Amino acid sequence: MAKLKDIAERVGVSISTVSRVMKNDANRSVSDETRRKIWETAEALGYTATRPSKTKKQEPTHAFRIGCVVAMPQNKYNNPYFSVILEGIEKTLADAGMRLEFVSSIEKHADIENLKSLVKENRVDGMLVVERIDGEAYQWIKANVRTVVGVDIADNDIPMISYDRAAAAKEAVAYLIGQGHRSIAYIGGAEFHDDFRGERRYRGYRSAMEEAGLTVDDDWVIDVKWDVSLSYELTKKAFETSGRAPTAIFAASDMMAIAAMRAATERGLRIPQDIAFFGVDNIEISEFTSPPLSTIHVPKLEMGMFAAKLLLDYMEHQYAIPVKMIIPYKMMLRHSTNGKPARP
């Protein structure tokens, strides 16, 4: 009898993708073409499963033209955080019979002019702004696009989807403190061009440390500028030069945590016996690191889906005030912190 593995190998997708299609799981998007290939292969191999009946998608009241700008450098679709948000946006728009006209990012001033051209050429009715972008570009968007919805940006004038970054970081660090850690390092980056120590996850970290009466060691507060290579290099350097190692590291993203974990293991430190690690985002690979990484699950897919739905609702004039939607996060305790409940 054929197995999911056989179908996955024949189609060239992961076993988890085949499983989602077989279960008709709509929480993660799979293209219609891939679904078709999976079902045809399953039937050819004699795999027994009930193929879901086709349902006609609801036609939108209006077809809107929608653009998106993402606060990150190139290769946006390969980023394990932003790519899932974009997946949620595109899934919701596709369900409504629409699509993104473009996805843009801003690295240099010329990109601002390119964004303006994209908005004009595509005659967009609405824009999704994913995290904070260049101020000039943002103000131009607000002045020239009828409806704007933000994902995790601070602007009381527009609708916004977010999660509480400061509270999430504080809860993670409080957990480490509850596990008995008193020397906890921080790895992260600045929000746009602001002060590194003004970023919300750092504020949550510092708040937890201060409430516990613990000292923040400046040698172990490391600005890696959201760069994976810098996270590895600067953590490695801190181990070599500080003369003292923390017993735990809280990183403002899983990618930063994973890079720092490599620096620790190369130092001969055991995780979590000698040093614990806690990240943020719950990207897919965090469950498969060695050991698996404790992290904050950020509902990335849902944030994208709700942002797109909110944008469509506003363009349909269903709301008159800028709604703020805070999505709950969740602690994911794994072996990098022993995966045990905090001490009372």
Protein backbone atom coordinates (compact mmCIF):
# COMPACT_ATOMS: atom_id res chain seq x y z
CA MET A 1 0.00 0.00 0.00
CA ALA A 2 1.31 3.44 -0.91
CA LYS A 3 2.41 5.77 1.89
CA LEU A 4 2.51 9.56 2.18
CA LYS A 5 6.29 9.34 1.71
CA ASP A 6 5.79 7.67 -1.69
CA ILE A 7 3.43 10.42 -2.83
CA ALA A 8 5.75 13.17 -1.54
CA GLU A 9 8.75 11.73 -3.39
CA ARG A 10 6.81 11.32 -6.62
CA VAL A 11 5.41 14.90 -6.56
CA GLY A 12 8.55 16.49 -5.13
CA VAL A 13 7.02 18.04 -1.98
CA SER A 14 7.36 17.43 1.75
CA ILE A 15 5.45 14.72 3.57
CA SER A 16 3.79 17.41 5.70
CA THR A 17 2.46 19.09 2.54
CA VAL A 18 0.96 15.80 1.35
CA SER A 19 -0.56 15.26 4.79
CA ARG A 20 -2.16 18.73 4.79
CA VAL A 21 -3.69 18.13 1.37
CA MET A 22 -5.04 14.72 2.38
CA LYS A 23 -6.61 16.24 5.49
CA ASN A 24 -7.91 19.22 3.47
CA ASP A 25 -6.10 21.48 5.95
CA ALA A 26 -6.64 25.12 4.95
CA ASN A 27 -4.45 26.63 7.69
CA ARG A 28 -1.40 26.59 5.41
CA SER A 29 -1.81 27.44 1.75
CA VAL A 30 -0.95 24.94 -0.97
CA SER A 31 -1.40 25.90 -4.62
CA ASP A 32 -4.24 24.36 -6.61
CA GLU A 33 -1.73 22.87 -9.05
CA THR A 34 0.19 21.14 -6.25
CA ARG A 35 -3.04 19.83 -4.73
CA ARG A 36 -4.06 18.44 -8.10
CA LYS A 37 -0.71 16.67 -8.58
CA ILE A 38 -0.85 15.18 -5.08
CA TRP A 39 -4.36 13.78 -5.55
CA GLU A 40 -3.59 12.43 -9.01
CA THR A 41 -0.43 10.75 -7.73
CA ALA A 42 -2.26 9.34 -4.70
CA GLU A 43 -4.93 7.83 -6.96
CA ALA A 44 -2.31 6.43 -9.35
CA LEU A 45 -0.46 4.78 -6.46
CA GLY A 46 -3.66 3.38 -4.99
CA TYR A 47 -3.58 5.47 -1.80
CA THR A 48 -6.98 5.31 -0.09
CA ALA A 49 -8.38 8.69 0.91
CA THR A 50 -11.50 10.72 0.31
CA ARG A 51 -10.89 13.57 -2.08
CA PRO A 52 -12.75 16.73 -1.00
CA SER A 53 -15.43 17.96 -3.34
CA LYS A 54 -14.73 21.20 -5.14
CA THR A 55 -16.43 24.25 -3.73
CA LYS A 56 -16.99 27.42 -5.64
CA LYS A 57 -15.13 30.36 -4.19
CA GLN A 58 -17.25 33.28 -3.14
CA GLU A 59 -16.92 36.09 -5.64
CA PRO A 60 -15.89 39.42 -4.10
CA THR A 61 -18.28 42.32 -4.11
CA HIS A 62 -15.50 44.36 -5.71
CA ALA A 63 -12.13 43.45 -7.18
CA PHE A 64 -9.52 45.67 -5.55
CA ARG A 65 -5.91 46.25 -6.54
CA ILE A 66 -3.65 45.75 -3.53
CA GLY A 67 0.06 46.28 -2.96
CA CYS A 68 2.36 45.41 -0.07
CA VAL A 69 5.57 46.90 1.29
CA VAL A 70 7.71 44.89 3.72
CA ALA A 71 10.24 46.35 6.15
CA MET A 72 13.07 44.03 5.24
CA PRO A 73 15.79 43.57 2.62
CA GLN A 74 15.66 41.45 -0.52
CA ASN A 75 14.76 37.74 -0.61
CA LYS A 76 11.58 38.57 1.29
CA TYR A 77 9.94 35.31 0.30
CA ASN A 78 12.81 33.29 1.80
CA ASN A 79 12.64 34.96 5.20
CA PRO A 80 11.12 32.42 7.64
CA TYR A 81 9.20 35.16 9.48
CA PHE A 82 7.96 37.53 6.78
CA SER A 83 7.30 34.80 4.23
CA VAL A 84 4.63 33.25 6.45
CA ILE A 85 2.94 36.64 6.96
CA LEU A 86 2.92 37.10 3.18
CA GLU A 87 1.53 33.59 2.79
CA GLY A 88 -1.40 34.54 5.03
CA ILE A 89 -2.00 37.75 3.09
CA GLU A 90 -1.96 35.98 -0.27
CA LYS A 91 -4.18 33.13 0.91
CA THR A 92 -6.89 35.52 2.12
CA LEU A 93 -6.76 37.57 -1.06
CA ALA A 94 -6.85 34.44 -3.22
CA ASP A 95 -9.93 33.20 -1.33
CA ALA A 96 -11.56 36.53 -2.21
CA GLY A 97 -10.57 36.21 -5.87
CA MET A 98 -7.77 38.77 -5.68
CA ARG A 99 -3.99 38.89 -5.51
CA LEU A 100 -1.15 41.17 -4.53
CA GLU A 101 -0.13 43.41 -7.42
CA PHE A 102 3.39 43.70 -5.99
CA VAL A 103 5.52 43.20 -2.88
CA SER A 104 8.21 45.82 -2.36
CA SER A 105 10.89 46.59 0.22
CA ILE A 106 13.04 49.64 0.86
CA GLU A 107 16.80 49.40 1.30
CA LYS A 108 17.94 52.69 -0.28
CA HIS A 109 16.41 56.00 -1.36
CA ALA A 110 15.95 54.83 -4.96
CA ASP A 111 13.59 52.15 -3.65
CA ILE A 112 11.22 54.89 -2.48
CA GLU A 113 10.87 56.19 -6.04
CA ASN A 114 10.40 52.64 -7.28
CA LEU A 115 7.62 52.11 -4.73
CA LYS A 116 5.87 55.29 -5.86
CA SER A 117 6.04 54.09 -9.46
CA LEU A 118 4.60 50.70 -8.52
CA VAL A 119 1.69 52.31 -6.69
CA LYS A 120 0.89 54.57 -9.63
CA GLU A 121 1.40 51.98 -12.36
CA ASN A 122 -0.74 49.39 -10.62
CA ARG A 123 -3.35 51.96 -9.55
CA VAL A 124 -3.65 50.31 -6.15
CA ASP A 125 -6.73 50.84 -4.01
CA GLY A 126 -5.14 49.57 -0.81
CA MET A 127 -1.74 48.91 0.75
CA LEU A 128 -0.48 46.57 3.42
CA VAL A 129 2.58 47.85 5.32
CA VAL A 130 4.38 45.00 7.11
CA GLU A 131 6.36 46.53 9.97
CA ARG A 132 7.97 49.95 10.08
CA ILE A 133 9.38 51.38 6.85
CA ASP A 134 11.13 54.58 5.76
CA GLY A 135 9.20 57.59 7.09
CA GLU A 136 9.13 59.47 3.78
CA ALA A 137 7.79 56.43 1.94
CA TYR A 138 5.21 55.74 4.62
CA GLN A 139 3.84 59.27 4.62
CA TRP A 140 3.64 59.21 0.81
CA ILE A 141 1.65 55.97 0.93
CA LYS A 142 -0.80 57.44 3.44
CA ALA A 143 -1.26 60.52 1.27
CA ASN A 144 -1.67 58.66 -2.03
CA VAL A 145 -3.36 55.35 -1.26
CA ARG A 146 -6.99 55.36 -0.19
CA THR A 147 -6.80 52.51 2.38
CA VAL A 148 -3.74 51.42 4.37
CA VAL A 149 -3.51 48.62 6.96
CA GLY A 150 -0.37 47.93 9.00
CA VAL A 151 1.16 44.80 10.44
CA ASP A 152 2.99 45.57 13.69
CA ILE A 153 3.51 49.29 13.16
CA ALA A 154 2.79 52.18 15.51
CA ASP A 155 0.30 54.59 13.97
CA ASN A 156 -3.01 55.44 15.62
CA ASP A 157 -4.41 56.75 12.32
CA ILE A 158 -4.62 53.40 10.52
CA PRO A 159 -5.96 49.88 11.27
CA MET A 160 -3.27 47.55 12.56
CA ILE A 161 -2.61 43.88 13.36
CA SER A 162 0.07 43.03 15.91
CA TYR A 163 1.18 40.95 18.87
CA ASP A 164 2.58 42.33 22.13
CA ARG A 165 6.34 42.04 21.57
CA ALA A 166 7.33 43.54 24.92
CA ALA A 167 4.99 41.25 26.88
CA ALA A 168 6.18 38.19 24.94
CA ALA A 169 9.84 38.96 25.65
CA LYS A 170 9.11 39.70 29.30
CA GLU A 171 7.29 36.39 29.74
CA ALA A 172 10.14 34.44 28.14
CA VAL A 173 12.80 36.10 30.31
CA ALA A 174 10.63 35.69 33.42
CA TYR A 175 10.46 31.98 32.60
CA LEU A 176 14.26 31.79 32.44
CA ILE A 177 14.47 33.62 35.77
CA GLY A 178 11.97 31.16 37.20
CA GLN A 179 14.29 28.36 36.08
CA GLY A 180 16.99 29.84 38.31
CA HIS A 181 18.96 31.88 35.78
CA ARG A 182 20.43 35.12 37.10
CA SER A 183 22.83 36.01 34.29
CA ILE A 184 20.77 36.35 31.10
CA ALA A 185 22.16 37.82 27.89
CA TYR A 186 20.18 39.61 25.18
CA ILE A 187 20.67 39.44 21.40
CA GLY A 188 18.61 41.57 19.01
CA GLY A 189 18.50 44.64 16.82
CA ALA A 190 16.98 48.09 16.49
CA GLU A 191 13.55 48.91 15.14
CA PHE A 192 14.32 50.72 11.90
CA HIS A 193 16.95 53.40 12.74
CA ASP A 194 15.94 53.88 16.38
CA ASP A 195 18.09 53.23 19.45
CA PHE A 196 18.77 49.52 19.87
CA ARG A 197 17.63 49.66 23.48
CA GLY A 198 14.30 51.20 22.52
CA GLU A 199 13.14 48.10 20.64
CA ARG A 200 10.10 46.50 22.27
CA ARG A 201 11.57 43.06 22.85
CA TYR A 202 14.57 44.61 24.58
CA ARG A 203 12.24 46.66 26.78
CA GLY A 204 10.41 43.46 27.77
CA TYR A 205 13.71 41.75 28.56
CA ARG A 206 14.93 44.65 30.68
CA SER A 207 11.60 44.94 32.51
CA ALA A 208 11.73 41.27 33.54
CA MET A 209 15.33 41.64 34.74
CA GLU A 210 14.61 44.80 36.73
CA GLU A 211 11.50 43.37 38.37
CA ALA A 212 13.57 40.38 39.50
CA GLY A 213 16.27 42.68 40.87
CA LEU A 214 18.85 41.37 38.38
CA THR A 215 21.65 43.33 36.74
CA VAL A 216 21.81 43.67 32.97
CA ASP A 217 25.38 43.01 31.86
CA ASP A 218 26.15 45.47 29.05
CA ASP A 219 28.84 43.14 27.70
CA TRP A 220 26.08 40.65 27.01
CA VAL A 221 23.54 43.01 25.45
CA ILE A 222 24.46 42.50 21.81
CA ASP A 223 23.16 44.47 18.84
CA VAL A 224 23.46 42.07 15.88
CA LYS A 225 21.33 44.27 13.59
CA TRP A 226 19.03 41.32 12.81
CA ASP A 227 21.92 39.71 10.91
CA VAL A 228 22.42 35.94 11.35
CA SER A 229 26.15 36.08 10.63
CA LEU A 230 26.65 38.91 13.13
CA SER A 231 24.69 36.97 15.74
CA TYR A 232 27.17 34.13 15.42
CA GLU A 233 30.29 36.30 15.19
CA LEU A 234 29.44 38.74 18.00
CA THR A 235 28.25 36.00 20.34
CA LYS A 236 31.47 34.10 19.66
CA LYS A 237 33.47 37.27 20.34
CA ALA A 238 31.59 37.89 23.60
CA PHE A 239 32.43 34.39 24.81
CA GLU A 240 36.10 35.05 24.02
CA THR A 241 36.44 38.53 25.50
CA SER A 242 33.93 39.01 28.31
CA GLY A 243 35.62 36.66 30.79
CA ARG A 244 32.24 35.45 31.98
CA ALA A 245 29.48 33.59 30.23
CA PRO A 246 25.75 33.98 30.97
CA THR A 247 23.74 30.94 31.96
CA ALA A 248 20.99 31.84 29.46
CA ILE A 249 20.56 33.87 26.28
CA PHE A 250 17.30 35.44 25.16
CA ALA A 251 17.33 36.30 21.46
CA ALA A 252 14.76 38.59 19.83
CA SER A 253 14.34 36.15 16.92
CA ASP A 254 14.81 32.43 16.38
CA MET A 255 17.35 33.00 13.62
CA MET A 256 19.51 35.05 15.99
CA ALA A 257 19.15 32.37 18.68
CA ILE A 258 20.11 29.52 16.34
CA ALA A 259 23.25 31.35 15.19
CA ALA A 260 24.23 32.07 18.80
CA MET A 261 23.65 28.42 19.72
CA ARG A 262 26.34 27.46 17.23
CA ALA A 263 28.78 29.88 18.87
CA ALA A 264 28.01 28.31 22.25
CA THR A 265 28.46 24.72 21.12
CA GLU A 266 31.74 25.59 19.40
CA ARG A 267 32.83 26.99 22.77
CA GLY A 268 32.22 23.55 24.25
CA LEU A 269 29.10 24.60 26.16
CA ARG A 270 26.24 22.14 26.49
CA ILE A 271 22.69 23.28 25.83
CA PRO A 272 20.81 23.55 28.19
CA GLN A 273 23.10 22.12 30.91
CA ASP A 274 25.66 24.96 30.67
CA ILE A 275 23.63 27.62 28.88
CA ALA A 276 19.94 27.89 27.95
CA PHE A 277 18.49 29.57 24.86
CA PHE A 278 15.11 31.19 24.22
CA GLY A 279 14.00 32.71 20.91
CA VAL A 280 11.03 34.50 19.38
CA ASP A 281 8.92 33.70 16.26
CA ASN A 282 8.64 29.88 16.29
CA ILE A 283 9.89 29.59 12.73
CA GLU A 284 9.55 26.09 11.30
CA ILE A 285 13.20 25.10 11.78
CA SER A 286 13.21 25.98 15.51
CA GLU A 287 11.60 22.62 16.32
CA PHE A 288 14.43 20.78 14.55
CA THR A 289 17.54 22.46 15.96
CA SER A 290 19.78 20.45 18.27
CA PRO A 291 18.42 20.69 20.87
CA PRO A 292 14.98 22.01 19.82
CA LEU A 293 14.67 25.73 20.59
CA SER A 294 12.28 27.13 23.19
CA THR A 295 10.54 30.10 21.61
CA ILE A 296 7.54 32.40 21.51
CA HIS A 297 5.04 31.27 18.90
CA VAL A 298 4.07 34.35 16.89
CA PRO A 299 0.89 33.73 14.86
CA LYS A 300 2.49 34.87 11.61
CA LEU A 301 0.05 33.24 9.20
CA GLU A 302 -2.95 34.57 11.12
CA MET A 303 -1.47 38.08 11.28
CA GLY A 304 -1.20 38.10 7.49
CA MET A 305 -4.68 36.66 7.03
CA PHE A 306 -6.33 39.11 9.44
CA ALA A 307 -4.44 42.07 7.93
CA ALA A 308 -5.68 41.23 4.43
CA LYS A 309 -9.23 40.62 5.70
CA LEU A 310 -9.18 43.92 7.58
CA LEU A 311 -7.98 45.74 4.48
CA LEU A 312 -10.82 44.28 2.40
CA ASP A 313 -13.34 45.18 5.11
CA TYR A 314 -12.17 48.80 5.15
CA MET A 315 -12.28 49.04 1.38
CA GLU A 316 -15.86 47.77 1.60
CA HIS A 317 -16.51 50.60 4.13
CA GLN A 318 -17.42 48.18 6.93
CA TYR A 319 -15.54 50.22 9.55
CA ALA A 320 -15.12 53.93 10.12
CA ILE A 321 -12.45 53.96 12.86
CA PRO A 322 -8.92 52.48 12.82
CA VAL A 323 -9.24 49.10 14.53
CA LYS A 324 -6.28 47.68 16.48
CA MET A 325 -6.19 43.89 16.62
CA ILE A 326 -3.72 42.24 19.03
CA ILE A 327 -3.17 38.55 18.26
CA PRO A 328 -2.19 36.29 21.21
CA TYR A 329 1.25 34.66 21.27
CA LYS A 330 2.16 31.37 22.95
CA MET A 331 5.19 30.02 24.82
CA MET A 332 6.71 26.93 23.20
CA LEU A 333 8.95 25.21 25.78
CA ARG A 334 11.51 22.82 24.33
CA HIS A 335 14.85 21.26 25.27
CA SER A 336 17.02 24.37 24.87
CA THR A 337 15.63 25.51 28.24
CA ASN A 338 14.87 22.02 29.63
CA GLY A 339 11.28 22.53 28.54
CA LYS A 340 10.04 22.55 32.14
CA PRO A 341 7.50 24.86 33.82
CA ALA A 342 8.91 27.82 35.69
CA ARG A 343 9.59 27.44 39.40
CA PRO A 344 6.91 28.86 41.70
